Amino acid sequence: MMEKIEAFIQTAKLEEVKDALVALGISGMTVSQVEGFGHQKGQRMNYRGTSYEASFIQKVEIEVIVPAEMTEKVVDAIVKAARTGQIGDGKIFITPISQVIRIRTEERDLDAIQETGPSED
């Protein structure tokens, strides 16, 4: 069984989280710049002396697919690397993955997510 871990974190914490995941042996991840809001409900910004409400906060989304037995280690690493103790540190979502297929080789499941060499997808 595999699981998809989606972490929404502060942009400034991306390198720390990436380094923590690489240290665990994670060899692939997807990173996206995203905007949204949660409990913060946006933030007050100042531009040229004028204050305005920004309704969306910029975050980074990191997605990784891991064997289920690695999920807790990966989550712990993300939490430790991304935590500032302030509102807006982010959220992590975990979803079961029923199947993975590497298009180039047609490898499936764990074989499809493991590193195979320099011509990796």
C-alpha atoms as a PDB file:
ATOM      1  CA  MET A   1       0.000   0.000   0.000  1.00  0.00           C
ATOM      2  CA  MET A   2       1.166   3.502  -0.800  1.00  0.00           C
ATOM      3  CA  GLU A   3       0.071   6.899   0.406  1.00  0.00           C
ATOM      4  CA  LYS A   4       0.145  10.402  -1.021  1.00  0.00           C
ATOM      5  CA  ILE A   5       1.281  13.085   1.391  1.00  0.00           C
ATOM      6  CA  GLU A   6       0.285  16.636   0.510  1.00  0.00           C
ATOM      7  CA  ALA A   7       1.865  19.303   2.683  1.00  0.00           C
ATOM      8  CA  PHE A   8       0.933  22.968   2.466  1.00  0.00           C
ATOM      9  CA  ILE A   9       3.723  24.946   4.114  1.00  0.00           C
ATOM     10  CA  GLN A  10       5.164  28.439   4.322  1.00  0.00           C
ATOM     11  CA  THR A  11       7.270  29.304   1.291  1.00  0.00           C
ATOM     12  CA  ALA A  12      10.298  30.140   3.438  1.00  0.00           C
ATOM     13  CA  LYS A  13      10.355  26.573   4.815  1.00  0.00           C
ATOM     14  CA  LEU A  14      10.599  24.786   1.447  1.00  0.00           C
ATOM     15  CA  GLU A  15      14.366  24.155   1.477  1.00  0.00           C
ATOM     16  CA  GLU A  16      14.319  22.867   5.060  1.00  0.00           C
ATOM     17  CA  VAL A  17      11.470  20.474   4.277  1.00  0.00           C
ATOM     18  CA  LYS A  18      13.123  19.327   1.034  1.00  0.00           C
ATOM     19  CA  ASP A  19      16.391  18.638   2.868  1.00  0.00           C
ATOM     20  CA  ALA A  20      14.537  16.665   5.566  1.00  0.00           C
ATOM     21  CA  LEU A  21      12.771  14.533   2.949  1.00  0.00           C
ATOM     22  CA  VAL A  22      15.964  13.894   0.973  1.00  0.00           C
ATOM     23  CA  ALA A  23      17.642  12.802   4.237  1.00  0.00           C
ATOM     24  CA  LEU A  24      14.894  10.161   4.569  1.00  0.00           C
ATOM     25  CA  GLY A  25      15.645   8.857   1.081  1.00  0.00           C
ATOM     26  CA  ILE A  26      12.745  10.524  -0.718  1.00  0.00           C
ATOM     27  CA  SER A  27      13.955  10.756  -4.300  1.00  0.00           C
ATOM     28  CA  GLY A  28      11.044  12.553  -5.912  1.00  0.00           C
ATOM     29  CA  MET A  29       8.478  15.159  -5.046  1.00  0.00           C
ATOM     30  CA  THR A  30       6.226  17.658  -6.742  1.00  0.00           C
ATOM     31  CA  VAL A  31       6.327  21.267  -5.566  1.00  0.00           C
ATOM     32  CA  SER A  32       3.728  23.867  -6.531  1.00  0.00           C
ATOM     33  CA  GLN A  33       3.250  27.517  -5.638  1.00  0.00           C
ATOM     34  CA  VAL A  34      -0.317  27.871  -4.352  1.00  0.00           C
ATOM     35  CA  GLU A  35      -2.536  30.493  -2.740  1.00  0.00           C
ATOM     36  CA  GLY A  36      -5.256  30.010  -0.193  1.00  0.00           C
ATOM     37  CA  PHE A  37      -6.483  30.872   3.264  1.00  0.00           C
ATOM     38  CA  GLY A  38      -7.508  29.083   6.414  1.00  0.00           C
ATOM     39  CA  HIS A  39      -7.814  30.385   9.948  1.00  0.00           C
ATOM     40  CA  GLN A  40      -5.719  33.403   8.956  1.00  0.00           C
ATOM     41  CA  LYS A  41      -8.448  34.675   6.617  1.00  0.00           C
ATOM     42  CA  GLY A  42      -5.825  36.523   4.599  1.00  0.00           C
ATOM     43  CA  GLN A  43      -3.454  39.139   5.929  1.00  0.00           C
ATOM     44  CA  ARG A  44      -3.125  42.915   6.134  1.00  0.00           C
ATOM     45  CA  MET A  45      -0.466  44.256   3.741  1.00  0.00           C
ATOM     46  CA  ASN A  46       1.041  47.697   3.212  1.00  0.00           C
ATOM     47  CA  TYR A  47       1.966  49.019  -0.222  1.00  0.00           C
ATOM     48  CA  ARG A  48       3.271  52.566  -0.676  1.00  0.00           C
ATOM     49  CA  GLY A  49       1.723  53.696   2.562  1.00  0.00           C
ATOM     50  CA  THR A  50      -1.698  52.195   1.839  1.00  0.00           C
ATOM     51  CA  SER A  51      -2.992  49.297   3.897  1.00  0.00           C
ATOM     52  CA  TYR A  52      -5.100  46.622   2.221  1.00  0.00           C
ATOM     53  CA  GLU A  53      -6.379  43.120   2.923  1.00  0.00           C
ATOM     54  CA  ALA A  54      -4.789  40.303   0.905  1.00  0.00           C
ATOM     55  CA  SER A  55      -7.456  37.604   0.768  1.00  0.00           C
ATOM     56  CA  PHE A  56      -5.075  34.765  -0.144  1.00  0.00           C
ATOM     57  CA  ILE A  57      -1.794  33.722   1.429  1.00  0.00           C
ATOM     58  CA  GLN A  58       1.004  32.288  -0.696  1.00  0.00           C
ATOM     59  CA  LYS A  59       2.066  28.766   0.287  1.00  0.00           C
ATOM     60  CA  VAL A  60       4.008  25.895  -1.192  1.00  0.00           C
ATOM     61  CA  GLU A  61       2.403  22.509  -1.776  1.00  0.00           C
ATOM     62  CA  ILE A  62       4.671  19.467  -1.630  1.00  0.00           C
ATOM     63  CA  GLU A  63       3.386  16.113  -2.843  1.00  0.00           C
ATOM     64  CA  VAL A  64       5.160  12.807  -2.284  1.00  0.00           C
ATOM     65  CA  ILE A  65       4.074   9.207  -2.758  1.00  0.00           C
ATOM     66  CA  VAL A  66       5.578   6.792  -0.239  1.00  0.00           C
ATOM     67  CA  PRO A  67       5.103   3.223   0.961  1.00  0.00           C
ATOM     68  CA  ALA A  68       2.557   3.301   3.799  1.00  0.00           C
ATOM     69  CA  GLU A  69       5.161   2.187   6.328  1.00  0.00           C
ATOM     70  CA  MET A  70       7.142   5.399   5.673  1.00  0.00           C
ATOM     71  CA  THR A  71       4.219   7.777   6.109  1.00  0.00           C
ATOM     72  CA  GLU A  72       4.744   8.605   9.793  1.00  0.00           C
ATOM     73  CA  LYS A  73       8.484   9.232   9.334  1.00  0.00           C
ATOM     74  CA  VAL A  74       7.800  11.537   6.390  1.00  0.00           C
ATOM     75  CA  VAL A  75       5.046  13.405   8.245  1.00  0.00           C
ATOM     76  CA  ASP A  76       7.276  13.817  11.327  1.00  0.00           C
ATOM     77  CA  ALA A  77      10.111  15.172   9.148  1.00  0.00           C
ATOM     78  CA  ILE A  78       7.793  17.678   7.446  1.00  0.00           C
ATOM     79  CA  VAL A  79       6.313  18.863  10.745  1.00  0.00           C
ATOM     80  CA  LYS A  80       9.727  19.336  12.364  1.00  0.00           C
ATOM     81  CA  ALA A  81      11.159  21.177   9.356  1.00  0.00           C
ATOM     82  CA  ALA A  82       8.100  23.353   8.631  1.00  0.00           C
ATOM     83  CA  ARG A  83       7.003  24.329  12.140  1.00  0.00           C
ATOM     84  CA  THR A  84       7.519  27.893  13.314  1.00  0.00           C
ATOM     85  CA  GLY A  85       4.922  27.757  16.081  1.00  0.00           C
ATOM     86  CA  GLN A  86       2.926  30.552  14.466  1.00  0.00           C
ATOM     87  CA  ILE A  87      -0.492  30.561  12.826  1.00  0.00           C
ATOM     88  CA  GLY A  88      -0.122  29.664   9.164  1.00  0.00           C
ATOM     89  CA  ASP A  89       2.479  26.890   9.474  1.00  0.00           C
ATOM     90  CA  GLY A  90       0.289  24.780   7.188  1.00  0.00           C
ATOM     91  CA  LYS A  91      -1.488  21.458   6.928  1.00  0.00           C
ATOM     92  CA  ILE A  92      -0.689  17.906   5.837  1.00  0.00           C
ATOM     93  CA  PHE A  93      -3.187  15.627   4.095  1.00  0.00           C
ATOM     94  CA  ILE A  94      -2.676  11.880   3.622  1.00  0.00           C
ATOM     95  CA  THR A  95      -4.536   9.912   0.965  1.00  0.00           C
ATOM     96  CA  PRO A  96      -4.309   6.206   0.105  1.00  0.00           C
ATOM     97  CA  ILE A  97      -2.986   5.479  -3.399  1.00  0.00           C
ATOM     98  CA  SER A  98      -4.300   2.326  -5.038  1.00  0.00           C
ATOM     99  CA  GLN A  99      -1.898   2.187  -7.968  1.00  0.00           C
ATOM    100  CA  VAL A 100       1.059   3.984  -9.574  1.00  0.00           C
ATOM    101  CA  ILE A 101       2.306   3.414 -13.138  1.00  0.00           C
ATOM    102  CA  ARG A 102       5.535   4.748 -14.633  1.00  0.00           C
ATOM    103  CA  ILE A 103       4.556   5.527 -18.228  1.00  0.00           C
ATOM    104  CA  ARG A 104       8.004   5.037 -19.797  1.00  0.00           C
ATOM    105  CA  THR A 105       8.598   1.495 -18.466  1.00  0.00           C
ATOM    106  CA  GLU A 106       5.092   0.484 -17.378  1.00  0.00           C
ATOM    107  CA  GLU A 107       6.490  -0.365 -13.937  1.00  0.00           C
ATOM    108  CA  ARG A 108       3.813  -0.412 -11.291  1.00  0.00           C
ATOM    109  CA  ASP A 109       3.383   0.525  -7.671  1.00  0.00           C
ATOM    110  CA  LEU A 110       6.601   0.633  -5.590  1.00  0.00           C
ATOM    111  CA  ASP A 111       8.766  -0.093  -8.647  1.00  0.00           C
ATOM    112  CA  ALA A 112       7.230   2.963 -10.319  1.00  0.00           C
ATOM    113  CA  ILE A 113       8.152   5.355  -7.496  1.00  0.00           C
ATOM    114  CA  GLN A 114      11.646   4.089  -6.735  1.00  0.00           C
ATOM    115  CA  GLU A 115      14.668   5.708  -8.315  1.00  0.00           C
ATOM    116  CA  THR A 116      15.983   3.783 -11.316  1.00  0.00           C
ATOM    117  CA  GLY A 117      18.914   5.894 -12.464  1.00  0.00           C
ATOM    118  CA  PRO A 118      19.863   9.088 -14.277  1.00  0.00           C
ATOM    119  CA  SER A 119      17.087   8.854 -16.874  1.00  0.00           C
ATOM    120  CA  GLU A 120      14.412   9.023 -14.155  1.00  0.00           C
ATOM    121  CA  ASP A 121      10.970  10.353 -15.151  1.00  0.00           C
END
